[in-house]
C-alpha atoms as a PDB file:
ATOM      1  CA  MET A   1     -18.372  20.609 -62.396  1.00  0.00           C
ATOM      2  CA  GLU A   2     -21.732  20.398 -60.320  1.00  0.00           C
ATOM      3  CA  HIS A   3     -22.256  16.834 -58.867  1.00  0.00           C
ATOM      4  CA  PRO A   4     -24.971  15.120 -60.822  1.00  0.00           C
ATOM      5  CA  LEU A   5     -26.930  14.477 -57.578  1.00  0.00           C
ATOM      6  CA  ILE A   6     -26.903  18.156 -56.758  1.00  0.00           C
ATOM      7  CA  ALA A   7     -28.128  18.835 -60.281  1.00  0.00           C
ATOM      8  CA  THR A   8     -31.194  16.270 -60.338  1.00  0.00           C
ATOM      9  CA  LEU A   9     -32.217  18.353 -57.092  1.00  0.00           C
ATOM     10  CA  ARG A  10     -31.954  21.395 -58.773  1.00  0.00           C
ATOM     11  CA  ARG A  11     -33.911  20.543 -61.852  1.00  0.00           C
ATOM     12  CA  LEU A  12     -36.909  18.982 -59.620  1.00  0.00           C
ATOM     13  CA  MET A  13     -36.908  22.517 -57.725  1.00  0.00           C
ATOM     14  CA  LYS A  14     -37.036  24.524 -60.762  1.00  0.00           C
ATOM     15  CA  ARG A  15     -39.802  22.197 -62.275  1.00  0.00           C
ATOM     16  CA  SER A  16     -41.634  22.424 -59.304  1.00  0.00           C
ATOM     17  CA  ASP A  17     -41.522  26.322 -59.220  1.00  0.00           C
ATOM     18  CA  ASP A  18     -42.449  26.550 -63.054  1.00  0.00           C
ATOM     19  CA  ASP A  19     -45.403  24.299 -62.628  1.00  0.00           C
ATOM     20  CA  ASP A  20     -48.834  25.481 -62.333  1.00  0.00           C
ATOM     21  CA  GLU A  21     -49.596  23.381 -59.588  1.00  0.00           C
ATOM     22  CA  SER A  22     -47.730  23.106 -56.182  1.00  0.00           C
ATOM     23  CA  GLY A  23     -46.052  20.071 -55.080  1.00  0.00           C
ATOM     24  CA  LEU A  24     -44.064  17.176 -57.080  1.00  0.00           C
ATOM     25  CA  THR A  25     -45.244  14.196 -58.786  1.00  0.00           C
ATOM     26  CA  LEU A  26     -45.022  10.793 -57.522  1.00  0.00           C
ATOM     27  CA  ILE A  27     -41.719  10.004 -59.889  1.00  0.00           C
ATOM     28  CA  GLU A  28     -40.212  13.420 -58.567  1.00  0.00           C
ATOM     29  CA  LEU A  29     -40.960  12.516 -55.047  1.00  0.00           C
ATOM     30  CA  VAL A  30     -39.625   8.933 -55.051  1.00  0.00           C
ATOM     31  CA  VAL A  31     -36.358  10.271 -56.998  1.00  0.00           C
ATOM     32  CA  ALA A  32     -35.821  12.729 -54.230  1.00  0.00           C
ATOM     33  CA  VAL A  33     -36.119  10.144 -51.643  1.00  0.00           C
ATOM     34  CA  GLY A  34     -33.814   8.068 -53.169  1.00  0.00           C
ATOM     35  CA  ILE A  35     -31.201  10.673 -53.432  1.00  0.00           C
ATOM     36  CA  PHE A  36     -31.885  11.583 -49.766  1.00  0.00           C
ATOM     37  CA  GLY A  37     -31.602   7.976 -48.992  1.00  0.00           C
ATOM     38  CA  ILE A  38     -28.032   7.945 -51.015  1.00  0.00           C
ATOM     39  CA  PHE A  39     -26.794  11.077 -49.044  1.00  0.00           C
ATOM     40  CA  LEU A  40     -27.891   9.476 -45.555  1.00  0.00           C
ATOM     41  CA  ALA A  41     -26.214   6.166 -46.200  1.00  0.00           C
ATOM     42  CA  MET A  42     -22.880   8.150 -47.220  1.00  0.00           C
ATOM     43  CA  MET A  43     -23.127  10.044 -43.894  1.00  0.00           C
ATOM     44  CA  LEU A  44     -23.825   7.152 -41.798  1.00  0.00           C
ATOM     45  CA  ALA A  45     -20.973   5.422 -43.648  1.00  0.00           C
ATOM     46  CA  THR A  46     -18.531   7.966 -42.556  1.00  0.00           C
ATOM     47  CA  VAL A  47     -19.737   8.527 -39.005  1.00  0.00           C
ATOM     48  CA  VAL A  48     -19.341   4.419 -38.365  1.00  0.00           C
ATOM     49  CA  GLY A  49     -15.847   4.524 -39.743  1.00  0.00           C
ATOM     50  CA  LEU A  50     -15.020   7.524 -37.499  1.00  0.00           C
ATOM     51  CA  ALA A  51     -16.380   5.740 -34.744  1.00  0.00           C
ATOM     52  CA  ARG A  52     -14.521   2.403 -35.439  1.00  0.00           C
ATOM     53  CA  GLY A  53     -11.388   4.220 -35.811  1.00  0.00           C
ATOM     54  CA  ALA A  54     -11.439   6.025 -32.524  1.00  0.00           C
ATOM     55  CA  THR A  55     -12.358   2.606 -30.672  1.00  0.00           C
ATOM     56  CA  ARG A  56      -9.448   0.930 -32.451  1.00  0.00           C
ATOM     57  CA  ALA A  57      -7.292   3.844 -31.160  1.00  0.00           C
ATOM     58  CA  GLN A  58      -8.466   3.596 -27.397  1.00  0.00           C
ATOM     59  CA  VAL A  59      -7.851  -0.113 -27.683  1.00  0.00           C
ATOM     60  CA  VAL A  60      -4.469  -0.084 -29.077  1.00  0.00           C
ATOM     61  CA  ALA A  61      -3.270   2.660 -26.700  1.00  0.00           C
ATOM     62  CA  LYS A  62      -4.783   0.803 -23.876  1.00  0.00           C
ATOM     63  CA  SER A  63      -3.308  -2.382 -24.710  1.00  0.00           C
ATOM     64  CA  THR A  64       0.145  -0.767 -25.575  1.00  0.00           C
ATOM     65  CA  ALA A  65       0.544   0.974 -22.042  1.00  0.00           C
ATOM     66  CA  GLY A  66      -0.606  -2.396 -20.103  1.00  0.00           C
ATOM     67  CA  VAL A  67       1.930  -4.478 -21.964  1.00  0.00           C
ATOM     68  CA  LEU A  68       5.078  -1.665 -21.407  1.00  0.00           C
ATOM     69  CA  VAL A  69       3.993  -1.802 -17.734  1.00  0.00           C
ATOM     70  CA  VAL A  70       4.678  -5.577 -17.566  1.00  0.00           C
ATOM     71  CA  PHE A  71       7.860  -5.370 -19.476  1.00  0.00           C
ATOM     72  CA  GLY A  72       9.094  -2.837 -17.117  1.00  0.00           C
ATOM     73  CA  GLN A  73       8.443  -5.055 -14.222  1.00  0.00           C
ATOM     74  CA  LEU A  74       9.871  -8.012 -15.931  1.00  0.00           C
ATOM     75  CA  ASP A  75      13.111  -5.965 -16.891  1.00  0.00           C
ATOM     76  CA  ARG A  76      13.470  -4.880 -13.087  1.00  0.00           C
ATOM     77  CA  GLN A  77      13.214  -8.543 -11.905  1.00  0.00           C
ATOM     78  CA  ALA A  78      14.783 -10.707 -14.758  1.00  0.00           C
ATOM     79  CA  ARG A  79      17.619  -8.522 -15.376  1.00  0.00           C
ATOM     80  CA  TYR A  80      19.480  -9.420 -11.850  1.00  0.00           C
ATOM     81  CA  ALA A  81      18.325 -13.264 -12.105  1.00  0.00           C
ATOM     82  CA  ASP A  82      21.262 -15.826 -11.802  1.00  0.00           C
ATOM     83  CA  SER A  83      19.110 -18.862 -13.329  1.00  0.00           C
ATOM     84  CA  ILE A  84      15.897 -18.949 -15.270  1.00  0.00           C
ATOM     85  CA  ASN A  85      13.988 -22.308 -15.823  1.00  0.00           C
ATOM     86  CA  TYR A  86      12.806 -23.502 -19.082  1.00  0.00           C
ATOM     87  CA  PRO A  87       9.088 -22.596 -19.370  1.00  0.00           C
ATOM     88  CA  ALA A  88       6.647 -25.307 -18.508  1.00  0.00           C
ATOM     89  CA  GLN A  89       2.691 -26.010 -18.590  1.00  0.00           C
ATOM     90  CA  SER A  90       0.909 -26.897 -15.607  1.00  0.00           C
ATOM     91  CA  ALA A  91      -1.538 -29.678 -15.474  1.00  0.00           C
ATOM     92  CA  ASN A  92      -4.102 -27.206 -15.561  1.00  0.00           C
ATOM     93  CA  GLY A  93      -3.072 -25.759 -18.917  1.00  0.00           C
ATOM     94  CA  TYR A  94      -1.418 -22.808 -17.335  1.00  0.00           C
ATOM     95  CA  ARG A  95       1.798 -21.808 -18.764  1.00  0.00           C
ATOM     96  CA  TYR A  96       4.644 -20.215 -16.428  1.00  0.00           C
ATOM     97  CA  ILE A  97       8.193 -19.661 -16.164  1.00  0.00           C
ATOM     98  CA  GLU A  98      10.399 -19.022 -12.988  1.00  0.00           C
ATOM     99  CA  PHE A  99      13.628 -17.315 -12.087  1.00  0.00           C
ATOM    100  CA  ARG A 100      15.980 -16.896  -9.197  1.00  0.00           C
ATOM    101  CA  THR A 101      17.403 -13.660  -7.854  1.00  0.00           C
ATOM    102  CA  PRO A 102      20.352 -14.009  -5.477  1.00  0.00           C
ATOM    103  CA  GLY A 103      20.490 -12.474  -2.075  1.00  0.00           C
ATOM    104  CA  THR A 104      23.237 -10.283  -3.415  1.00  0.00           C
ATOM    105  CA  SER A 105      21.013  -8.669  -6.210  1.00  0.00           C
ATOM    106  CA  SER A 106      17.714  -8.685  -3.989  1.00  0.00           C
ATOM    107  CA  ALA A 107      16.391  -5.822  -2.138  1.00  0.00           C
ATOM    108  CA  SER A 108      15.679  -7.979   1.125  1.00  0.00           C
ATOM    109  CA  GLY A 109      19.089  -9.627   0.766  1.00  0.00           C
ATOM    110  CA  ILE A 110      17.521 -13.073   0.581  1.00  0.00           C
ATOM    111  CA  THR A 111      17.498 -15.206  -2.378  1.00  0.00           C
ATOM    112  CA  MET A 112      14.145 -14.937  -4.167  1.00  0.00           C
ATOM    113  CA  CYS A 113      12.143 -16.810  -6.608  1.00  0.00           C
ATOM    114  CA  THR A 114       9.581 -15.234  -8.779  1.00  0.00           C
ATOM    115  CA  GLN A 115       6.937 -16.800 -11.155  1.00  0.00           C
ATOM    116  CA  TRP A 116       5.025 -15.753 -14.005  1.00  0.00           C
ATOM    117  CA  ARG A 117       1.957 -17.469 -15.545  1.00  0.00           C
ATOM    118  CA  PHE A 118      -0.370 -17.006 -18.301  1.00  0.00           C
ATOM    119  CA  LEU A 119      -4.047 -18.380 -17.814  1.00  0.00           C
ATOM    120  CA  PRO A 120      -5.149 -18.709 -21.945  1.00  0.00           C
ATOM    121  CA  ASP A 121      -8.705 -19.236 -21.116  1.00  0.00           C
ATOM    122  CA  GLU A 122      -8.830 -16.217 -19.111  1.00  0.00           C
ATOM    123  CA  GLY A 123      -6.543 -13.935 -20.881  1.00  0.00           C
ATOM    124  CA  ARG A 124      -4.566 -13.138 -17.856  1.00  0.00           C
ATOM    125  CA  ILE A 125      -0.986 -12.800 -16.794  1.00  0.00           C
ATOM    126  CA  GLU A 126       0.033 -13.035 -13.064  1.00  0.00           C
ATOM    127  CA  ALA A 127       2.988 -13.306 -10.739  1.00  0.00           C
ATOM    128  CA  ARG A 128       4.221 -14.212  -7.378  1.00  0.00           C
ATOM    129  CA  SER A 129       7.293 -14.828  -5.350  1.00  0.00           C
ATOM    130  CA  TRP A 130       8.935 -16.648  -2.586  1.00  0.00           C
ATOM    131  CA  ASN A 131      12.096 -17.073  -0.498  1.00  0.00           C
ATOM    132  CA  ASP A 132      13.997 -19.849  -2.145  1.00  0.00           C
ATOM    133  CA  LEU A 133      13.977 -21.628   1.325  1.00  0.00           C
ATOM    134  CA  PRO A 134      12.476 -24.546   2.645  1.00  0.00           C
ATOM    135  CA  GLY A 135       9.188 -23.699   4.130  1.00  0.00           C
ATOM    136  CA  SER A 136       8.794 -20.460   2.624  1.00  0.00           C
ATOM    137  CA  THR A 137       5.646 -18.784   1.931  1.00  0.00           C
ATOM    138  CA  LYS A 138       4.312 -17.580  -1.342  1.00  0.00           C
ATOM    139  CA  THR A 139       2.519 -14.332  -1.980  1.00  0.00           C
ATOM    140  CA  ALA A 140      -0.758 -14.315  -3.730  1.00  0.00           C
ATOM    141  CA  TRP A 141      -0.924 -14.209  -7.246  1.00  0.00           C
ATOM    142  CA  ALA A 142      -0.912 -10.618  -8.464  1.00  0.00           C
ATOM    143  CA  THR A 143      -2.495  -9.812 -11.636  1.00  0.00           C
ATOM    144  CA  LYS A 144      -0.417  -7.789 -14.290  1.00  0.00           C
ATOM    145  CA  LEU A 145      -2.313  -7.709 -17.300  1.00  0.00           C
ATOM    146  CA  THR A 146      -5.894  -8.827 -18.771  1.00  0.00           C
ATOM    147  CA  GLY A 147      -7.118  -8.834 -22.301  1.00  0.00           C
ATOM    148  CA  VAL A 148      -4.219 -11.187 -23.300  1.00  0.00           C
ATOM    149  CA  LEU A 149      -4.807 -13.128 -26.493  1.00  0.00           C
ATOM    150  CA  ASP A 150      -3.558 -16.723 -26.789  1.00  0.00           C
ATOM    151  CA  THR A 151      -1.694 -16.597 -30.584  1.00  0.00           C
ATOM    152  CA  GLY A 152      -1.549 -20.552 -30.542  1.00  0.00           C
ATOM    153  CA  GLU A 153       2.055 -20.242 -31.386  1.00  0.00           C
ATOM    154  CA  VAL A 154       4.828 -22.454 -29.876  1.00  0.00           C
ATOM    155  CA  ASN A 155       6.661 -20.899 -26.825  1.00  0.00           C
ATOM    156  CA  TYR A 156       4.131 -18.305 -26.099  1.00  0.00           C
ATOM    157  CA  PRO A 157       4.185 -16.255 -24.381  1.00  0.00           C
ATOM    158  CA  PHE A 158       7.292 -17.128 -22.339  1.00  0.00           C
ATOM    159  CA  ASP A 159      10.696 -18.890 -23.762  1.00  0.00           C
ATOM    160  CA  LEU A 160      13.985 -19.057 -22.867  1.00  0.00           C
ATOM    161  CA  ILE A 161      17.278 -18.334 -24.686  1.00  0.00           C
ATOM    162  CA  PRO A 162      20.161 -20.502 -22.900  1.00  0.00           C
ATOM    163  CA  ALA A 163      23.201 -19.322 -22.395  1.00  0.00           C
ATOM    164  CA  GLY A 164      25.905 -20.972 -24.776  1.00  0.00           C
ATOM    165  CA  VAL A 165      28.279 -19.917 -27.519  1.00  0.00           C
ATOM    166  CA  THR A 166      25.585 -21.328 -30.276  1.00  0.00           C
ATOM    167  CA  ALA A 167      23.050 -19.221 -28.600  1.00  0.00           C
ATOM    168  CA  GLY A 168      25.239 -16.050 -29.110  1.00  0.00           C
ATOM    169  CA  SER A 169      25.161 -15.010 -25.480  1.00  0.00           C
ATOM    170  CA  SER A 170      26.929 -16.051 -22.624  1.00  0.00           C
ATOM    171  CA  MET A 171      24.070 -15.134 -20.210  1.00  0.00           C
ATOM    172  CA  GLN A 172      20.394 -16.845 -20.125  1.00  0.00           C
ATOM    173  CA  GLN A 173      17.738 -14.674 -21.918  1.00  0.00           C
ATOM    174  CA  LEU A 174      13.805 -14.493 -20.755  1.00  0.00           C
ATOM    175  CA  VAL A 175      11.635 -13.966 -24.007  1.00  0.00           C
ATOM    176  CA  ILE A 176       8.337 -12.696 -23.524  1.00  0.00           C
ATOM    177  CA  SER A 177       5.554 -12.253 -26.352  1.00  0.00           C
ATOM    178  CA  ILE A 178       2.295 -10.825 -25.607  1.00  0.00           C
ATOM    179  CA  ASN A 179      -0.840  -9.873 -28.126  1.00  0.00           C
ATOM    180  CA  ALA A 180      -3.042  -7.898 -25.987  1.00  0.00           C
ATOM    181  CA  GLY A 181      -6.441  -6.182 -27.036  1.00  0.00           C
ATOM    182  CA  SER A 182      -7.048  -7.993 -30.429  1.00  0.00           C
ATOM    183  CA  LEU A 183      -5.423 -10.456 -32.897  1.00  0.00           C
ATOM    184  CA  SER A 184      -5.738  -8.062 -35.594  1.00  0.00           C
ATOM    185  CA  PRO A 185      -2.382  -6.214 -36.433  1.00  0.00           C
ATOM    186  CA  ASP A 186      -3.928  -2.774 -36.419  1.00  0.00           C
ATOM    187  CA  ALA A 187      -6.312  -3.139 -33.530  1.00  0.00           C
ATOM    188  CA  GLY A 188      -4.084  -4.375 -30.480  1.00  0.00           C
ATOM    189  CA  ALA A 189      -0.676  -4.592 -29.143  1.00  0.00           C
ATOM    190  CA  GLY A 190       1.831  -7.594 -30.096  1.00  0.00           C
ATOM    191  CA  ILE A 191       5.333  -6.648 -28.540  1.00  0.00           C
ATOM    192  CA  THR A 192       8.060  -9.155 -28.343  1.00  0.00           C
ATOM    193  CA  THR A 193      11.349  -8.506 -26.012  1.00  0.00           C
ATOM    194  CA  ALA A 194      14.426 -10.585 -24.485  1.00  0.00           C
ATOM    195  CA  PHE A 195      15.607  -9.695 -20.963  1.00  0.00           C
ATOM    196  CA  VAL A 196      18.974 -10.521 -20.320  1.00  0.00           C
ATOM    197  CA  ALA A 197      19.596 -12.281 -16.972  1.00  0.00           C
ATOM    198  CA  ARG A 198      23.143 -10.245 -16.021  1.00  0.00           C
ATOM    199  CA  ASN A 199      24.054 -12.855 -13.232  1.00  0.00           C
ATOM    200  CA  SER A 200      23.389 -15.974 -15.114  1.00  0.00           C
ATOM    201  CA  SER A 201      26.014 -18.013 -17.198  1.00  0.00           C
ATOM    202  CA  ILE A 202      26.488 -21.342 -19.029  1.00  0.00           C
ATOM    203  CA  GLN A 203      26.934 -22.675 -15.411  1.00  0.00           C
ATOM    204  CA  SER A 204      23.695 -21.710 -14.310  1.00  0.00           C
ATOM    205  CA  PRO A 205      21.922 -25.029 -12.959  1.00  0.00           C
ATOM    206  CA  SER A 206      18.903 -24.321 -15.040  1.00  0.00           C
ATOM    207  CA  ASN A 207      20.422 -23.940 -18.439  1.00  0.00           C
ATOM    208  CA  LEU A 208      21.293 -27.483 -18.504  1.00  0.00           C
ATOM    209  CA  ASP A 209      19.253 -29.457 -20.843  1.00  0.00           C
ATOM    210  CA  VAL A 210      21.265 -32.567 -22.005  1.00  0.00           C
ATOM    211  CA  ASN A 211      18.660 -34.663 -23.469  1.00  0.00           C
ATOM    212  CA  GLY A 212      17.181 -31.618 -25.670  1.00  0.00           C
ATOM    213  CA  ASN A 213      13.471 -32.101 -23.985  1.00  0.00           C
ATOM    214  CA  LEU A 214      13.331 -27.970 -23.561  1.00  0.00           C
ATOM    215  CA  LYS A 215      13.145 -29.060 -19.461  1.00  0.00           C
ATOM    216  CA  SER A 216      15.655 -27.905 -16.978  1.00  0.00           C
ATOM    217  CA  ASP A 217      17.897 -30.989 -15.807  1.00  0.00           C
ATOM    218  CA  ASN A 218      18.494 -29.035 -12.373  1.00  0.00           C
ATOM    219  CA  PRO A 219      15.653 -26.393 -11.884  1.00  0.00           C
ATOM    220  CA  VAL A 220      15.769 -23.673  -9.502  1.00  0.00           C
ATOM    221  CA  CYS A 221      13.101 -22.341  -7.014  1.00  0.00           C
ATOM    222  CA  THR A 222      11.692 -25.759  -6.358  1.00  0.00           C
ATOM    223  CA  PHE A 223      10.731 -25.064  -2.684  1.00  0.00           C
ATOM    224  CA  GLY A 224       7.260 -23.538  -2.010  1.00  0.00           C
ATOM    225  CA  GLY A 225       5.473 -25.260  -4.652  1.00  0.00           C
ATOM    226  CA  TYR A 226       6.857 -25.763  -8.420  1.00  0.00           C
ATOM    227  CA  GLN A 227       3.671 -25.636 -10.484  1.00  0.00           C
ATOM    228  CA  PRO A 228       1.319 -22.675 -10.194  1.00  0.00           C
END
């Protein structure tokens, strides 16, 4: 069946051919312009939809790639940790977490401390490290990911599952949740994963939290500056 708009245009053109005088009447011209406007609006809506879809796909791909790179680095670091501190927040609002890698599992043969922090106002995740020795020098902060959004959720983006029978694991687990790119579920990358510290145990110093205040009673990596 022929589309009504096409049929209208066809009738207008036929009337114009049959009339003794060339051209269209004012009413016919208004109708033709209105039909053209409808087609133009439909075309623009399609173009805008395609552009938004392409932009959304680019944002998701870029955000996902960045998050996976961060997870890969954390996996290589946290898997060899022997003790992870409970996450904390510094006086300036930075959220951070630290873990210690024993010398037997570090490339340098020296016990290392690694610290990751999230800057909510700047949407950036950074990391640094130092030798777990008095007077050690910290490395400069290295940016690991930008465009990270603060979801406002509790324990975002760092969390700790302590070792214990009730926790379901005899080793500590570092949980990372990152939402990058957009808070919209279809326009960003929201990924959560847990990294098991294979050298940790219930006896890890920072695992102890007797009063249940979600702070390590015996935190590790206190040399070289505790808060970021």
